């Protein structure tokens, strides 16, 4: 059975950047869930939000997750590092899929750092207003923690160090199932 290491955390926490680097080092496949949703819906995230709302976007995320996990079980795919969207864990169905099929790591990153990485991005519809951004991060904190198998304190870690630690974790997961 393929290992799935899913990265959870607020937007700008480094899930995609560190995850991609760790996957390369491990020789694992990498999927950015936001990118997969855009590819499947044939439109960028802001357009999905504009036409279907956040609820429609979250439904598309769950469908994409279901497809990822179905593809792994049907094909006997390689190990996978999966960067979740910042709000994926807000959906109960998504949390259930992750609980059943993945080892979830929450990249606990200060909201100030996340804001500095994301502010002004046209690609992040929920990153326009700082006060709302901080409130959203605070609202999601308990979900990130409760849905994670492991919390990685990424406060003072450069992305390369996060990637290195994820690589170590991936090797440990491989070893545990060998």
Protein backbone atom coordinates (compact mmCIF):
# COMPACT_ATOMS: atom_id res chain seq x y z
CA UNK A 1 0.00 0.00 0.00
CA UNK A 2 1.27 3.44 -0.90
CA UNK A 3 2.06 5.91 1.86
CA UNK A 4 0.26 9.25 1.72
CA UNK A 5 1.75 12.12 3.67
CA UNK A 6 -0.72 15.04 3.65
CA UNK A 7 0.34 18.54 4.67
CA UNK A 8 -2.20 20.69 6.43
CA UNK A 9 -1.95 24.30 7.56
CA UNK A 10 -3.06 27.80 6.85
CA UNK A 11 -2.47 29.43 3.49
CA UNK A 12 1.14 30.51 3.21
CA UNK A 13 2.40 27.94 5.73
CA UNK A 14 4.73 26.35 3.16
CA UNK A 15 2.75 23.20 2.34
CA UNK A 16 3.31 23.36 -1.40
CA UNK A 17 6.88 24.67 -1.43
CA UNK A 18 8.27 22.38 1.29
CA UNK A 19 6.10 19.47 0.17
CA UNK A 20 7.33 19.62 -3.41
CA UNK A 21 10.96 19.67 -2.24
CA UNK A 22 10.45 16.77 0.17
CA UNK A 23 8.68 14.71 -2.50
CA UNK A 24 11.58 15.25 -4.90
CA UNK A 25 14.09 14.12 -2.28
CA UNK A 26 12.00 11.07 -1.41
CA UNK A 27 11.26 10.14 -5.01
CA UNK A 28 7.54 10.33 -4.19
CA UNK A 29 4.75 11.73 -6.29
CA UNK A 30 3.55 15.21 -5.34
CA UNK A 31 0.08 16.66 -5.68
CA UNK A 32 -0.96 20.19 -4.78
CA UNK A 33 -4.68 19.82 -4.06
CA UNK A 34 -5.46 23.42 -5.04
CA UNK A 35 -3.81 22.87 -8.43
CA UNK A 36 -5.64 19.58 -8.88
CA UNK A 37 -8.98 21.27 -8.16
CA UNK A 38 -8.19 23.99 -10.71
CA UNK A 39 -7.24 21.38 -13.30
CA UNK A 40 -10.37 19.32 -12.69
CA UNK A 41 -12.69 22.35 -12.69
CA UNK A 42 -10.86 24.02 -15.59
CA UNK A 43 -10.83 27.37 -13.82
CA UNK A 44 -8.69 29.18 -11.23
CA UNK A 45 -9.68 29.14 -7.57
CA UNK A 46 -10.89 32.77 -7.50
CA UNK A 47 -13.26 31.98 -10.37
CA UNK A 48 -14.53 28.85 -8.59
CA UNK A 49 -15.21 30.98 -5.51
CA UNK A 50 -16.95 33.62 -7.64
CA UNK A 51 -19.19 31.15 -9.48
CA UNK A 52 -19.78 28.41 -6.91
CA UNK A 53 -18.91 30.06 -3.61
CA UNK A 54 -16.71 28.61 -0.91
CA UNK A 55 -19.14 25.71 -0.41
CA UNK A 56 -18.83 24.74 -4.08
CA UNK A 57 -15.07 24.98 -3.87
CA UNK A 58 -14.98 22.73 -0.78
CA UNK A 59 -17.16 20.18 -2.60
CA UNK A 60 -14.70 20.22 -5.50
CA UNK A 61 -11.86 19.65 -3.01
CA UNK A 62 -13.58 16.57 -1.60
CA UNK A 63 -14.18 15.21 -5.10
CA UNK A 64 -10.51 15.74 -5.92
CA UNK A 65 -9.43 14.00 -2.69
CA UNK A 66 -11.72 11.07 -3.46
CA UNK A 67 -10.16 10.81 -6.93
CA UNK A 68 -6.63 10.90 -5.49
CA UNK A 69 -7.32 8.12 -3.00
CA UNK A 70 -9.28 6.04 -5.53
CA UNK A 71 -6.41 6.35 -7.99
CA UNK A 72 -3.90 5.15 -5.41
CA UNK A 73 -5.92 2.10 -4.41
CA UNK A 74 -6.80 1.15 -7.99
CA UNK A 75 -3.35 1.54 -9.48
CA UNK A 76 -1.08 0.62 -6.60
CA UNK A 77 0.51 4.04 -7.12
CA UNK A 78 3.75 5.20 -5.62
CA UNK A 79 4.01 7.00 -2.32
CA UNK A 80 2.50 10.45 -2.36
CA UNK A 81 3.10 13.78 -0.68
CA UNK A 82 -0.14 15.78 -0.81
CA UNK A 83 -0.29 19.52 -0.10
CA UNK A 84 -3.81 20.30 1.08
CA UNK A 85 -5.56 23.61 0.61
CA UNK A 86 -5.59 25.88 3.64
CA UNK A 87 -9.27 25.22 4.25
CA UNK A 88 -9.52 21.57 3.25
CA UNK A 89 -9.84 20.48 6.86
CA UNK A 90 -12.93 22.64 7.35
CA UNK A 91 -14.92 20.02 5.44
CA UNK A 92 -15.97 17.01 7.52
CA UNK A 93 -15.94 14.68 4.52
CA UNK A 94 -12.38 15.75 3.67
CA UNK A 95 -11.27 15.15 7.27
CA UNK A 96 -12.77 11.66 7.12
CA UNK A 97 -10.97 10.82 3.88
CA UNK A 98 -7.69 12.07 5.30
CA UNK A 99 -8.19 10.15 8.55
CA UNK A 100 -8.79 6.95 6.55
CA UNK A 101 -6.09 7.31 3.90
CA UNK A 102 -3.26 9.61 4.98
CA UNK A 103 -0.81 10.59 7.67
CA UNK A 104 -1.57 14.28 8.22
CA UNK A 105 1.10 16.76 9.29
CA UNK A 106 -0.01 20.20 10.41
CA UNK A 107 2.61 22.84 9.59
CA UNK A 108 1.99 25.22 12.50
CA UNK A 109 3.13 28.58 11.16
CA UNK A 110 2.60 32.02 12.73
CA UNK A 111 -0.20 33.94 11.07
CA UNK A 112 2.14 36.93 10.59
CA UNK A 113 4.45 34.84 8.41
CA UNK A 114 1.50 33.40 6.48
CA UNK A 115 0.17 36.92 5.90
CA UNK A 116 3.55 38.14 4.65
CA UNK A 117 3.72 35.24 2.19
CA UNK A 118 0.18 35.63 0.83
CA UNK A 119 -0.99 39.24 1.07
CA UNK A 120 -1.93 40.82 -2.19
CA UNK A 121 -2.16 37.48 -3.98
CA UNK A 122 -4.81 37.43 -6.69
CA UNK A 123 -4.84 33.66 -6.40
CA UNK A 124 -6.06 33.55 -2.78
CA UNK A 125 -9.59 34.88 -2.45
CA UNK A 126 -9.53 34.70 1.35
CA UNK A 127 -6.28 36.67 1.76
CA UNK A 128 -7.46 40.18 1.05
CA UNK A 129 -8.12 41.71 4.46
CA UNK A 130 -5.59 41.25 7.25
CA UNK A 131 -8.07 41.25 10.15
CA UNK A 132 -10.29 38.71 8.39
CA UNK A 133 -7.20 36.66 7.50
CA UNK A 134 -6.08 36.53 11.13
CA UNK A 135 -9.57 35.67 12.34
CA UNK A 136 -9.85 32.86 9.79
CA UNK A 137 -6.49 31.44 10.88
CA UNK A 138 -7.60 31.55 14.49
CA UNK A 139 -10.94 29.89 13.67
CA UNK A 140 -9.19 27.00 11.90
CA UNK A 141 -6.44 26.39 14.47
CA UNK A 142 -8.32 23.75 16.48
CA UNK A 143 -9.31 21.88 13.31
CA UNK A 144 -5.71 21.80 12.11
CA UNK A 145 -4.58 20.41 15.45
CA UNK A 146 -7.39 17.88 15.92
CA UNK A 147 -7.16 16.49 12.39
CA UNK A 148 -3.37 16.08 12.41
CA UNK A 149 -1.43 12.95 13.21
CA UNK A 150 1.57 15.18 13.89
CA UNK A 151 2.10 18.90 14.48
CA UNK A 152 5.33 20.38 13.13
CA UNK A 153 6.18 23.73 14.67
CA UNK A 154 7.35 25.63 11.59
CA UNK A 155 7.68 29.02 13.30
CA UNK A 156 11.41 29.50 12.92
CA UNK A 157 12.10 26.92 10.24
CA UNK A 158 13.15 27.85 6.72
CA UNK A 159 11.35 25.92 3.99
CA UNK A 160 14.44 23.79 3.33
CA UNK A 161 14.44 22.59 6.94
CA UNK A 162 10.73 21.79 6.79
CA UNK A 163 11.38 19.80 3.61
CA UNK A 164 14.25 17.95 5.30
CA UNK A 165 12.05 17.02 8.27
CA UNK A 166 9.27 15.88 5.96
CA UNK A 167 11.79 13.75 4.09
CA UNK A 168 12.82 12.11 7.38
CA UNK A 169 9.19 11.49 8.24
CA UNK A 170 8.54 9.99 4.82
CA UNK A 171 11.49 7.63 5.21
CA UNK A 172 10.19 6.61 8.65
CA UNK A 173 6.72 5.92 7.22
CA UNK A 174 8.26 3.82 4.44
CA UNK A 175 10.26 1.88 6.99
CA UNK A 176 7.24 1.27 9.20
CA UNK A 177 5.39 -0.52 6.41
CA UNK A 178 8.32 -2.43 4.92
